[in-house]
Amino acid sequence: MPLSNEQKKQYKSIGHHLNPVLIVAENGLTEGVLAELERALNDHELIKIKFALTERDDRRALIDELCRQSHSELVQVIGKMALVYRRAAKQNRQLSNIVRHQV
């Protein structure tokens, strides 16, 4: 189910203070990157990802592919940073950025 505008607004506020947990470089979505992405989404639900690519179109295509492969939803893109969300099957209250940063 897509995120509502209100949810996106709340998640952007939370995401503003997060550091990137994953950096995607020129090699793209390698097996290691996808494994780390899966782990990060399961643990944190809302994560910030840095894309170390210079071309905007290449970055956007990679972001879209990342969201498709991980079944996550894009919340926001600012420059080389993307904020993505996927609800965890079993929420970890100590690790989830959604739970830990709710107002």
PDB file of N, CA and C in Angstrom:
ATOM      1  N   MET A   1       0.849  -1.175   0.000  1.00  0.00           N
ATOM      2  CA  MET A   1       0.000   0.000   0.000  1.00  0.00           C
ATOM      3  C   MET A   1       0.899   1.245   0.000  1.00  0.00           C
ATOM      4  N   PRO A   2       0.678   2.150  -0.930  1.00  0.00           N
ATOM      5  CA  PRO A   2       1.525   3.341  -1.008  1.00  0.00           C
ATOM      6  C   PRO A   2       1.392   4.217   0.236  1.00  0.00           C
ATOM      7  N   LEU A   3       2.453   4.925   0.513  1.00  0.00           N
ATOM      8  CA  LEU A   3       2.447   5.831   1.657  1.00  0.00           C
ATOM      9  C   LEU A   3       1.573   7.045   1.369  1.00  0.00           C
ATOM     10  N   SER A   4       0.868   7.506   2.384  1.00  0.00           N
ATOM     11  CA  SER A   4       0.075   8.726   2.241  1.00  0.00           C
ATOM     12  C   SER A   4       1.020   9.929   2.298  1.00  0.00           C
ATOM     13  N   ASN A   5       0.533  11.091   1.883  1.00  0.00           N
ATOM     14  CA  ASN A   5       1.344  12.300   1.950  1.00  0.00           C
ATOM     15  C   ASN A   5       1.722  12.626   3.392  1.00  0.00           C
ATOM     16  N   GLU A   6       0.817  12.355   4.313  1.00  0.00           N
ATOM     17  CA  GLU A   6       1.094  12.611   5.733  1.00  0.00           C
ATOM     18  C   GLU A   6       2.220  11.703   6.240  1.00  0.00           C
ATOM     19  N   GLN A   7       2.190  10.429   5.849  1.00  0.00           N
ATOM     20  CA  GLN A   7       3.248   9.499   6.247  1.00  0.00           C
ATOM     21  C   GLN A   7       4.585   9.941   5.655  1.00  0.00           C
ATOM     22  N   LYS A   8       4.566  10.320   4.377  1.00  0.00           N
ATOM     23  CA  LYS A   8       5.800  10.766   3.726  1.00  0.00           C
ATOM     24  C   LYS A   8       6.372  11.983   4.445  1.00  0.00           C
ATOM     25  N   LYS A   9       5.502  12.898   4.828  1.00  0.00           N
ATOM     26  CA  LYS A   9       5.943  14.097   5.536  1.00  0.00           C
ATOM     27  C   LYS A   9       6.607  13.704   6.866  1.00  0.00           C
ATOM     28  N   GLN A  10       5.988  12.794   7.587  1.00  0.00           N
ATOM     29  CA  GLN A  10       6.537  12.331   8.866  1.00  0.00           C
ATOM     30  C   GLN A  10       7.877  11.617   8.648  1.00  0.00           C
ATOM     31  N   TYR A  11       7.956  10.759   7.636  1.00  0.00           N
ATOM     32  CA  TYR A  11       9.177  10.000   7.370  1.00  0.00           C
ATOM     33  C   TYR A  11      10.308  10.911   6.891  1.00  0.00           C
ATOM     34  N   LYS A  12       9.983  11.945   6.128  1.00  0.00           N
ATOM     35  CA  LYS A  12      11.002  12.913   5.705  1.00  0.00           C
ATOM     36  C   LYS A  12      11.597  13.610   6.918  1.00  0.00           C
ATOM     37  N   SER A  13      10.750  13.940   7.883  1.00  0.00           N
ATOM     38  CA  SER A  13      11.200  14.586   9.106  1.00  0.00           C
ATOM     39  C   SER A  13      12.147  13.669   9.876  1.00  0.00           C
ATOM     40  N   ILE A  14      11.806  12.400   9.967  1.00  0.00           N
ATOM     41  CA  ILE A  14      12.663  11.421  10.644  1.00  0.00           C
ATOM     42  C   ILE A  14      13.961  11.238   9.855  1.00  0.00           C
ATOM     43  N   GLY A  15      13.836  11.112   8.543  1.00  0.00           N
ATOM     44  CA  GLY A  15      14.976  10.843   7.671  1.00  0.00           C
ATOM     45  C   GLY A  15      16.000  11.958   7.630  1.00  0.00           C
ATOM     46  N   HIS A  16      15.558  13.169   7.900  1.00  0.00           N
ATOM     47  CA  HIS A  16      16.461  14.320   7.863  1.00  0.00           C
ATOM     48  C   HIS A  16      17.647  14.124   8.801  1.00  0.00           C
ATOM     49  N   HIS A  17      17.445  13.472   9.921  1.00  0.00           N
ATOM     50  CA  HIS A  17      18.476  13.309  10.937  1.00  0.00           C
ATOM     51  C   HIS A  17      19.258  12.004  10.803  1.00  0.00           C
ATOM     52  N   LEU A  18      18.889  11.165   9.841  1.00  0.00           N
ATOM     53  CA  LEU A  18      19.567   9.880   9.670  1.00  0.00           C
ATOM     54  C   LEU A  18      20.850  10.029   8.858  1.00  0.00           C
ATOM     55  N   ASN A  19      21.808   9.171   9.138  1.00  0.00           N
ATOM     56  CA  ASN A  19      23.009   9.071   8.315  1.00  0.00           C
ATOM     57  C   ASN A  19      22.796   7.943   7.313  1.00  0.00           C
ATOM     58  N   PRO A  20      23.446   8.015   6.153  1.00  0.00           N
ATOM     59  CA  PRO A  20      23.299   6.929   5.178  1.00  0.00           C
ATOM     60  C   PRO A  20      23.839   5.614   5.749  1.00  0.00           C
ATOM     61  N   VAL A  21      23.085   4.545   5.561  1.00  0.00           N
ATOM     62  CA  VAL A  21      23.525   3.233   6.029  1.00  0.00           C
ATOM     63  C   VAL A  21      24.083   2.395   4.883  1.00  0.00           C
ATOM     64  N   LEU A  22      23.964   2.922   3.667  1.00  0.00           N
ATOM     65  CA  LEU A  22      24.379   2.185   2.485  1.00  0.00           C
ATOM     66  C   LEU A  22      24.873   3.179   1.452  1.00  0.00           C
ATOM     67  N   ILE A  23      25.963   2.834   0.775  1.00  0.00           N
ATOM     68  CA  ILE A  23      26.472   3.666  -0.310  1.00  0.00           C
ATOM     69  C   ILE A  23      26.504   2.804  -1.559  1.00  0.00           C
ATOM     70  N   VAL A  24      25.841   3.283  -2.605  1.00  0.00           N
ATOM     71  CA  VAL A  24      25.821   2.585  -3.885  1.00  0.00           C
ATOM     72  C   VAL A  24      26.738   3.350  -4.829  1.00  0.00           C
ATOM     73  N   ALA A  25      27.789   2.673  -5.332  1.00  0.00           N
ATOM     74  CA  ALA A  25      28.780   3.315  -6.189  1.00  0.00           C
ATOM     75  C   ALA A  25      28.612   2.869  -7.638  1.00  0.00           C
ATOM     76  N   GLU A  26      29.649   3.048  -8.403  1.00  0.00           N
ATOM     77  CA  GLU A  26      29.629   2.767  -9.845  1.00  0.00           C
ATOM     78  C   GLU A  26      29.263   1.322 -10.182  1.00  0.00           C
ATOM     79  N   ASN A  27      29.559   0.374  -9.294  1.00  0.00           N
ATOM     80  CA  ASN A  27      29.249  -1.030  -9.557  1.00  0.00           C
ATOM     81  C   ASN A  27      27.754  -1.316  -9.492  1.00  0.00           C
ATOM     82  N   GLY A  28      26.974  -0.392  -8.961  1.00  0.00           N
ATOM     83  CA  GLY A  28      25.524  -0.541  -8.939  1.00  0.00           C
ATOM     84  C   GLY A  28      25.035  -1.489  -7.861  1.00  0.00           C
ATOM     85  N   LEU A  29      23.968  -2.189  -8.188  1.00  0.00           N
ATOM     86  CA  LEU A  29      23.300  -3.063  -7.222  1.00  0.00           C
ATOM     87  C   LEU A  29      23.915  -4.458  -7.248  1.00  0.00           C
ATOM     88  N   THR A  30      25.070  -4.579  -6.625  1.00  0.00           N
ATOM     89  CA  THR A  30      25.746  -5.873  -6.556  1.00  0.00           C
ATOM     90  C   THR A  30      25.030  -6.759  -5.534  1.00  0.00           C
ATOM     91  N   GLU A  31      25.429  -8.008  -5.497  1.00  0.00           N
ATOM     92  CA  GLU A  31      24.843  -8.957  -4.548  1.00  0.00           C
ATOM     93  C   GLU A  31      25.071  -8.496  -3.108  1.00  0.00           C
ATOM     94  N   GLY A  32      26.261  -7.973  -2.830  1.00  0.00           N
ATOM     95  CA  GLY A  32      26.584  -7.481  -1.494  1.00  0.00           C
ATOM     96  C   GLY A  32      25.741  -6.271  -1.104  1.00  0.00           C
ATOM     97  N   VAL A  33      25.543  -5.365  -2.049  1.00  0.00           N
ATOM     98  CA  VAL A  33      24.724  -4.171  -1.789  1.00  0.00           C
ATOM     99  C   VAL A  33      23.285  -4.583  -1.502  1.00  0.00           C
ATOM    100  N   LEU A  34      22.758  -5.496  -2.292  1.00  0.00           N
ATOM    101  CA  LEU A  34      21.375  -5.946  -2.098  1.00  0.00           C
ATOM    102  C   LEU A  34      21.206  -6.687  -0.771  1.00  0.00           C
ATOM    103  N   ALA A  35      22.214  -7.454  -0.372  1.00  0.00           N
ATOM    104  CA  ALA A  35      22.149  -8.164   0.907  1.00  0.00           C
ATOM    105  C   ALA A  35      22.152  -7.167   2.061  1.00  0.00           C
ATOM    106  N   GLU A  36      23.003  -6.163   1.990  1.00  0.00           N
ATOM    107  CA  GLU A  36      23.072  -5.146   3.045  1.00  0.00           C
ATOM    108  C   GLU A  36      21.787  -4.309   3.065  1.00  0.00           C
ATOM    109  N   LEU A  37      21.245  -4.029   1.898  1.00  0.00           N
ATOM    110  CA  LEU A  37      19.976  -3.295   1.794  1.00  0.00           C
ATOM    111  C   LEU A  37      18.860  -4.076   2.480  1.00  0.00           C
ATOM    112  N   GLU A  38      18.800  -5.359   2.225  1.00  0.00           N
ATOM    113  CA  GLU A  38      17.785  -6.226   2.827  1.00  0.00           C
ATOM    114  C   GLU A  38      17.901  -6.219   4.352  1.00  0.00           C
ATOM    115  N   ARG A  39      19.123  -6.353   4.852  1.00  0.00           N
ATOM    116  CA  ARG A  39      19.355  -6.341   6.282  1.00  0.00           C
ATOM    117  C   ARG A  39      18.945  -4.996   6.890  1.00  0.00           C
ATOM    118  N   ALA A  40      19.351  -3.908   6.259  1.00  0.00           N
ATOM    119  CA  ALA A  40      19.055  -2.573   6.780  1.00  0.00           C
ATOM    120  C   ALA A  40      17.550  -2.303   6.802  1.00  0.00           C
ATOM    121  N   LEU A  41      16.839  -2.680   5.749  1.00  0.00           N
ATOM    122  CA  LEU A  41      15.394  -2.468   5.716  1.00  0.00           C
ATOM    123  C   LEU A  41      14.686  -3.321   6.762  1.00  0.00           C
ATOM    124  N   ASN A  42      15.138  -4.555   6.947  1.00  0.00           N
ATOM    125  CA  ASN A  42      14.528  -5.417   7.970  1.00  0.00           C
ATOM    126  C   ASN A  42      14.746  -4.849   9.369  1.00  0.00           C
ATOM    127  N   ASP A  43      15.925  -4.294   9.604  1.00  0.00           N
ATOM    128  CA  ASP A  43      16.239  -3.753  10.929  1.00  0.00           C
ATOM    129  C   ASP A  43      15.608  -2.380  11.166  1.00  0.00           C
ATOM    130  N   HIS A  44      15.773  -1.474  10.210  1.00  0.00           N
ATOM    131  CA  HIS A  44      15.462  -0.062  10.435  1.00  0.00           C
ATOM    132  C   HIS A  44      14.193   0.451   9.763  1.00  0.00           C
ATOM    133  N   GLU A  45      13.683  -0.253   8.775  1.00  0.00           N
ATOM    134  CA  GLU A  45      12.482   0.114   8.006  1.00  0.00           C
ATOM    135  C   GLU A  45      12.671   1.372   7.156  1.00  0.00           C
ATOM    136  N   LEU A  46      13.147   2.447   7.744  1.00  0.00           N
ATOM    137  CA  LEU A  46      13.369   3.706   7.031  1.00  0.00           C
ATOM    138  C   LEU A  46      14.866   3.954   7.002  1.00  0.00           C
ATOM    139  N   ILE A  47      15.446   3.997   5.789  1.00  0.00           N
ATOM    140  CA  ILE A  47      16.894   4.165   5.690  1.00  0.00           C
ATOM    141  C   ILE A  47      17.252   5.214   4.646  1.00  0.00           C
ATOM    142  N   LYS A  48      18.424   5.787   4.845  1.00  0.00           N
ATOM    143  CA  LYS A  48      18.962   6.751   3.896  1.00  0.00           C
ATOM    144  C   LYS A  48      20.090   6.065   3.141  1.00  0.00           C
ATOM    145  N   ILE A  49      20.102   6.258   1.815  1.00  0.00           N
ATOM    146  CA  ILE A  49      21.099   5.630   0.954  1.00  0.00           C
ATOM    147  C   ILE A  49      21.788   6.708   0.145  1.00  0.00           C
ATOM    148  N   LYS A  50      23.114   6.636   0.075  1.00  0.00           N
ATOM    149  CA  LYS A  50      23.878   7.579  -0.728  1.00  0.00           C
ATOM    150  C   LYS A  50      24.247   6.913  -2.050  1.00  0.00           C
ATOM    151  N   PHE A  51      24.070   7.647  -3.134  1.00  0.00           N
ATOM    152  CA  PHE A  51      24.415   7.151  -4.464  1.00  0.00           C
ATOM    153  C   PHE A  51      25.617   7.938  -4.976  1.00  0.00           C
ATOM    154  N   ALA A  52      26.754   7.251  -5.126  1.00  0.00           N
ATOM    155  CA  ALA A  52      27.988   7.900  -5.552  1.00  0.00           C
ATOM    156  C   ALA A  52      28.113   7.856  -7.074  1.00  0.00           C
ATOM    157  N   LEU A  53      27.104   8.362  -7.754  1.00  0.00           N
ATOM    158  CA  LEU A  53      27.100   8.438  -9.214  1.00  0.00           C
ATOM    159  C   LEU A  53      26.936   9.900  -9.602  1.00  0.00           C
ATOM    160  N   THR A  54      27.631  10.320 -10.644  1.00  0.00           N
ATOM    161  CA  THR A  54      27.561  11.731 -11.019  1.00  0.00           C
ATOM    162  C   THR A  54      26.352  12.057 -11.885  1.00  0.00           C
ATOM    163  N   GLU A  55      25.942  11.155 -12.740  1.00  0.00           N
ATOM    164  CA  GLU A  55      24.830  11.417 -13.654  1.00  0.00           C
ATOM    165  C   GLU A  55      23.481  11.271 -12.960  1.00  0.00           C
ATOM    166  N   ARG A  56      22.677  12.301 -13.009  1.00  0.00           N
ATOM    167  CA  ARG A  56      21.369  12.306 -12.349  1.00  0.00           C
ATOM    168  C   ARG A  56      20.444  11.214 -12.892  1.00  0.00           C
ATOM    169  N   ASP A  57      20.419  11.048 -14.211  1.00  0.00           N
ATOM    170  CA  ASP A  57      19.541  10.034 -14.808  1.00  0.00           C
ATOM    171  C   ASP A  57      19.947   8.625 -14.382  1.00  0.00           C
ATOM    172  N   ASP A  58      21.258   8.375 -14.321  1.00  0.00           N
ATOM    173  CA  ASP A  58      21.752   7.064 -13.877  1.00  0.00           C
ATOM    174  C   ASP A  58      21.367   6.824 -12.419  1.00  0.00           C
ATOM    175  N   ARG A  59      21.506   7.866 -11.596  1.00  0.00           N
ATOM    176  CA  ARG A  59      21.134   7.762 -10.178  1.00  0.00           C
ATOM    177  C   ARG A  59      19.669   7.418 -10.032  1.00  0.00           C
ATOM    178  N   ARG A  60      18.834   8.138 -10.774  1.00  0.00           N
ATOM    179  CA  ARG A  60      17.382   7.929 -10.667  1.00  0.00           C
ATOM    180  C   ARG A  60      16.996   6.516 -11.117  1.00  0.00           C
ATOM    181  N   ALA A  61      17.594   6.047 -12.195  1.00  0.00           N
ATOM    182  CA  ALA A  61      17.308   4.689 -12.681  1.00  0.00           C
ATOM    183  C   ALA A  61      17.722   3.653 -11.632  1.00  0.00           C
ATOM    184  N   LEU A  62      18.858   3.876 -10.991  1.00  0.00           N
ATOM    185  CA  LEU A  62      19.343   2.956  -9.966  1.00  0.00           C
ATOM    186  C   LEU A  62      18.440   2.982  -8.731  1.00  0.00           C
ATOM    187  N   ILE A  63      17.967   4.167  -8.362  1.00  0.00           N
ATOM    188  CA  ILE A  63      17.047   4.293  -7.217  1.00  0.00           C
ATOM    189  C   ILE A  63      15.754   3.530  -7.506  1.00  0.00           C
ATOM    190  N   ASP A  64      15.219   3.710  -8.701  1.00  0.00           N
ATOM    191  CA  ASP A  64      13.982   3.013  -9.075  1.00  0.00           C
ATOM    192  C   ASP A  64      14.172   1.498  -9.067  1.00  0.00           C
ATOM    193  N   GLU A  65      15.316   1.041  -9.574  1.00  0.00           N
ATOM    194  CA  GLU A  65      15.612  -0.395  -9.602  1.00  0.00           C
ATOM    195  C   GLU A  65      15.798  -0.939  -8.190  1.00  0.00           C
ATOM    196  N   LEU A  66      16.468  -0.181  -7.338  1.00  0.00           N
ATOM    197  CA  LEU A  66      16.667  -0.576  -5.949  1.00  0.00           C
ATOM    198  C   LEU A  66      15.321  -0.748  -5.248  1.00  0.00           C
ATOM    199  N   CYS A  67      14.419   0.208  -5.432  1.00  0.00           N
ATOM    200  CA  CYS A  67      13.094   0.129  -4.809  1.00  0.00           C
ATOM    201  C   CYS A  67      12.305  -1.070  -5.339  1.00  0.00           C
ATOM    202  N   ARG A  68      12.417  -1.313  -6.634  1.00  0.00           N
ATOM    203  CA  ARG A  68      11.702  -2.436  -7.238  1.00  0.00           C
ATOM    204  C   ARG A  68      12.216  -3.764  -6.681  1.00  0.00           C
ATOM    205  N   GLN A  69      13.536  -3.932  -6.652  1.00  0.00           N
ATOM    206  CA  GLN A  69      14.110  -5.201  -6.195  1.00  0.00           C
ATOM    207  C   GLN A  69      13.896  -5.445  -4.706  1.00  0.00           C
ATOM    208  N   SER A  70      13.865  -4.375  -3.918  1.00  0.00           N
ATOM    209  CA  SER A  70      13.725  -4.547  -2.466  1.00  0.00           C
ATOM    210  C   SER A  70      12.277  -4.432  -2.002  1.00  0.00           C
ATOM    211  N   HIS A  71      11.362  -4.168  -2.924  1.00  0.00           N
ATOM    212  CA  HIS A  71       9.942  -3.980  -2.598  1.00  0.00           C
ATOM    213  C   HIS A  71       9.767  -2.871  -1.558  1.00  0.00           C
ATOM    214  N   SER A  72      10.561  -1.823  -1.713  1.00  0.00           N
ATOM    215  CA  SER A  72      10.471  -0.689  -0.799  1.00  0.00           C
ATOM    216  C   SER A  72       9.864   0.501  -1.527  1.00  0.00           C
ATOM    217  N   GLU A  73       9.520   1.507  -0.767  1.00  0.00           N
ATOM    218  CA  GLU A  73       8.897   2.692  -1.342  1.00  0.00           C
ATOM    219  C   GLU A  73       9.822   3.891  -1.172  1.00  0.00           C
ATOM    220  N   LEU A  74       9.972   4.635  -2.247  1.00  0.00           N
ATOM    221  CA  LEU A  74      10.790   5.838  -2.217  1.00  0.00           C
ATOM    222  C   LEU A  74      10.024   6.938  -1.500  1.00  0.00           C
ATOM    223  N   VAL A  75      10.648   7.514  -0.487  1.00  0.00           N
ATOM    224  CA  VAL A  75      10.031   8.595   0.269  1.00  0.00           C
ATOM    225  C   VAL A  75      10.498   9.937  -0.276  1.00  0.00           C
ATOM    226  N   GLN A  76      11.811  10.049  -0.549  1.00  0.00           N
ATOM    227  CA  GLN A  76      12.366  11.332  -0.952  1.00  0.00           C
ATOM    228  C   GLN A  76      13.732  11.132  -1.605  1.00  0.00           C
ATOM    229  N   VAL A  77      14.047  11.996  -2.567  1.00  0.00           N
ATOM    230  CA  VAL A  77      15.385  12.060  -3.149  1.00  0.00           C
ATOM    231  C   VAL A  77      15.848  13.505  -3.066  1.00  0.00           C
ATOM    232  N   ILE A  78      17.017  13.697  -2.470  1.00  0.00           N
ATOM    233  CA  ILE A  78      17.641  15.014  -2.446  1.00  0.00           C
ATOM    234  C   ILE A  78      19.084  14.823  -2.881  1.00  0.00           C
ATOM    235  N   GLY A  79      19.407  15.355  -4.032  1.00  0.00           N
ATOM    236  CA  GLY A  79      20.761  15.219  -4.561  1.00  0.00           C
ATOM    237  C   GLY A  79      21.143  13.767  -4.736  1.00  0.00           C
ATOM    238  N   LYS A  80      22.180  13.353  -4.032  1.00  0.00           N
ATOM    239  CA  LYS A  80      22.674  11.973  -4.143  1.00  0.00           C
ATOM    240  C   LYS A  80      22.154  11.078  -3.026  1.00  0.00           C
ATOM    241  N   MET A  81      21.197  11.571  -2.250  1.00  0.00           N
ATOM    242  CA  MET A  81      20.633  10.806  -1.139  1.00  0.00           C
ATOM    243  C   MET A  81      19.195  10.388  -1.450  1.00  0.00           C
ATOM    244  N   ALA A  82      18.879   9.165  -1.099  1.00  0.00           N
ATOM    245  CA  ALA A  82      17.510   8.666  -1.243  1.00  0.00           C
ATOM    246  C   ALA A  82      17.061   8.135   0.112  1.00  0.00           C
ATOM    247  N   LEU A  83      15.809   8.389   0.420  1.00  0.00           N
ATOM    248  CA  LEU A  83      15.200   7.896   1.652  1.00  0.00           C
ATOM    249  C   LEU A  83      14.155   6.875   1.237  1.00  0.00           C
ATOM    250  N   VAL A  84      14.323   5.630   1.696  1.00  0.00           N
ATOM    251  CA  VAL A  84      13.396   4.567   1.317  1.00  0.00           C
ATOM    252  C   VAL A  84      12.814   3.898   2.557  1.00  0.00           C
ATOM    253  N   TYR A  85      11.614   3.356   2.387  1.00  0.00           N
ATOM    254  CA  TYR A  85      10.877   2.742   3.489  1.00  0.00           C
ATOM    255  C   TYR A  85      10.308   1.403   3.056  1.00  0.00           C
ATOM    256  N   ARG A  86      10.391   0.450   3.956  1.00  0.00           N
ATOM    257  CA  ARG A  86       9.684  -0.825   3.798  1.00  0.00           C
ATOM    258  C   ARG A  86       9.335  -1.317   5.186  1.00  0.00           C
ATOM    259  N   ARG A  87       8.064  -1.574   5.377  1.00  0.00           N
ATOM    260  CA  ARG A  87       7.599  -2.070   6.680  1.00  0.00           C
ATOM    261  C   ARG A  87       8.212  -3.435   6.938  1.00  0.00           C
ATOM    262  N   ALA A  88       8.741  -3.615   8.129  1.00  0.00           N
ATOM    263  CA  ALA A  88       9.354  -4.889   8.507  1.00  0.00           C
ATOM    264  C   ALA A  88       8.273  -5.900   8.865  1.00  0.00           C
ATOM    265  N   ALA A  89       8.523  -7.148   8.544  1.00  0.00           N
ATOM    266  CA  ALA A  89       7.575  -8.206   8.889  1.00  0.00           C
ATOM    267  C   ALA A  89       7.435  -8.285  10.409  1.00  0.00           C
ATOM    268  N   LYS A  90       8.560  -8.191  11.102  1.00  0.00           N
ATOM    269  CA  LYS A  90       8.555  -8.179  12.568  1.00  0.00           C
ATOM    270  C   LYS A  90       9.371  -6.968  13.001  1.00  0.00           C
ATOM    271  N   GLN A  91       8.692  -5.972  13.510  1.00  0.00           N
ATOM    272  CA  GLN A  91       9.329  -4.710  13.869  1.00  0.00           C
ATOM    273  C   GLN A  91      10.209  -4.864  15.107  1.00  0.00           C
ATOM    274  N   ASN A  92      11.460  -4.430  14.998  1.00  0.00           N
ATOM    275  CA  ASN A  92      12.390  -4.447  16.117  1.00  0.00           C
ATOM    276  C   ASN A  92      12.349  -3.057  16.762  1.00  0.00           C
ATOM    277  N   ARG A  93      11.776  -2.965  17.941  1.00  0.00           N
ATOM    278  CA  ARG A  93      11.558  -1.661  18.587  1.00  0.00           C
ATOM    279  C   ARG A  93      12.860  -0.931  18.911  1.00  0.00           C
ATOM    280  N   GLN A  94      13.957  -1.661  19.095  1.00  0.00           N
ATOM    281  CA  GLN A  94      15.232  -1.016  19.396  1.00  0.00           C
ATOM    282  C   GLN A  94      15.917  -0.467  18.135  1.00  0.00           C
ATOM    283  N   LEU A  95      15.652  -1.048  16.980  1.00  0.00           N
ATOM    284  CA  LEU A  95      16.342  -0.666  15.759  1.00  0.00           C
ATOM    285  C   LEU A  95      15.498   0.154  14.790  1.00  0.00           C
ATOM    286  N   SER A  96      14.200  -0.010  14.799  1.00  0.00           N
ATOM    287  CA  SER A  96      13.342   0.655  13.825  1.00  0.00           C
ATOM    288  C   SER A  96      13.409   2.178  13.968  1.00  0.00           C
ATOM    289  N   ASN A  97      13.774   2.855  12.891  1.00  0.00           N
ATOM    290  CA  ASN A  97      13.818   4.318  12.902  1.00  0.00           C
ATOM    291  C   ASN A  97      12.416   4.913  13.053  1.00  0.00           C
ATOM    292  N   ILE A  98      11.415   4.202  12.603  1.00  0.00           N
ATOM    293  CA  ILE A  98      10.026   4.676  12.713  1.00  0.00           C
ATOM    294  C   ILE A  98       9.604   4.711  14.183  1.00  0.00           C
ATOM    295  N   VAL A  99       9.873   3.641  14.907  1.00  0.00           N
ATOM    296  CA  VAL A  99       9.483   3.548  16.320  1.00  0.00           C
ATOM    297  C   VAL A  99      10.335   4.483  17.175  1.00  0.00           C
ATOM    298  N   ARG A 100      11.642   4.478  16.954  1.00  0.00           N
ATOM    299  CA  ARG A 100      12.553   5.243  17.812  1.00  0.00           C
ATOM    300  C   ARG A 100      12.398   6.745  17.654  1.00  0.00           C
ATOM    301  N   HIS A 101      11.931   7.224  16.508  1.00  0.00           N
ATOM    302  CA  HIS A 101      11.873   8.663  16.263  1.00  0.00           C
ATOM    303  C   HIS A 101      10.460   9.227  16.172  1.00  0.00           C
ATOM    304  N   GLN A 102       9.465   8.448  16.548  1.00  0.00           N
ATOM    305  CA  GLN A 102       8.102   8.971  16.476  1.00  0.00           C
ATOM    306  C   GLN A 102       7.920  10.087  17.485  1.00  0.00           C
ATOM    307  N   VAL A 103       7.132  11.059  17.058  1.00  0.00           N
ATOM    308  CA  VAL A 103       6.854  12.220  17.923  1.00  0.00           C
ATOM    309  C   VAL A 103       5.557  12.058  18.650  1.00  0.00           C
TER     310      VAL A 103
END
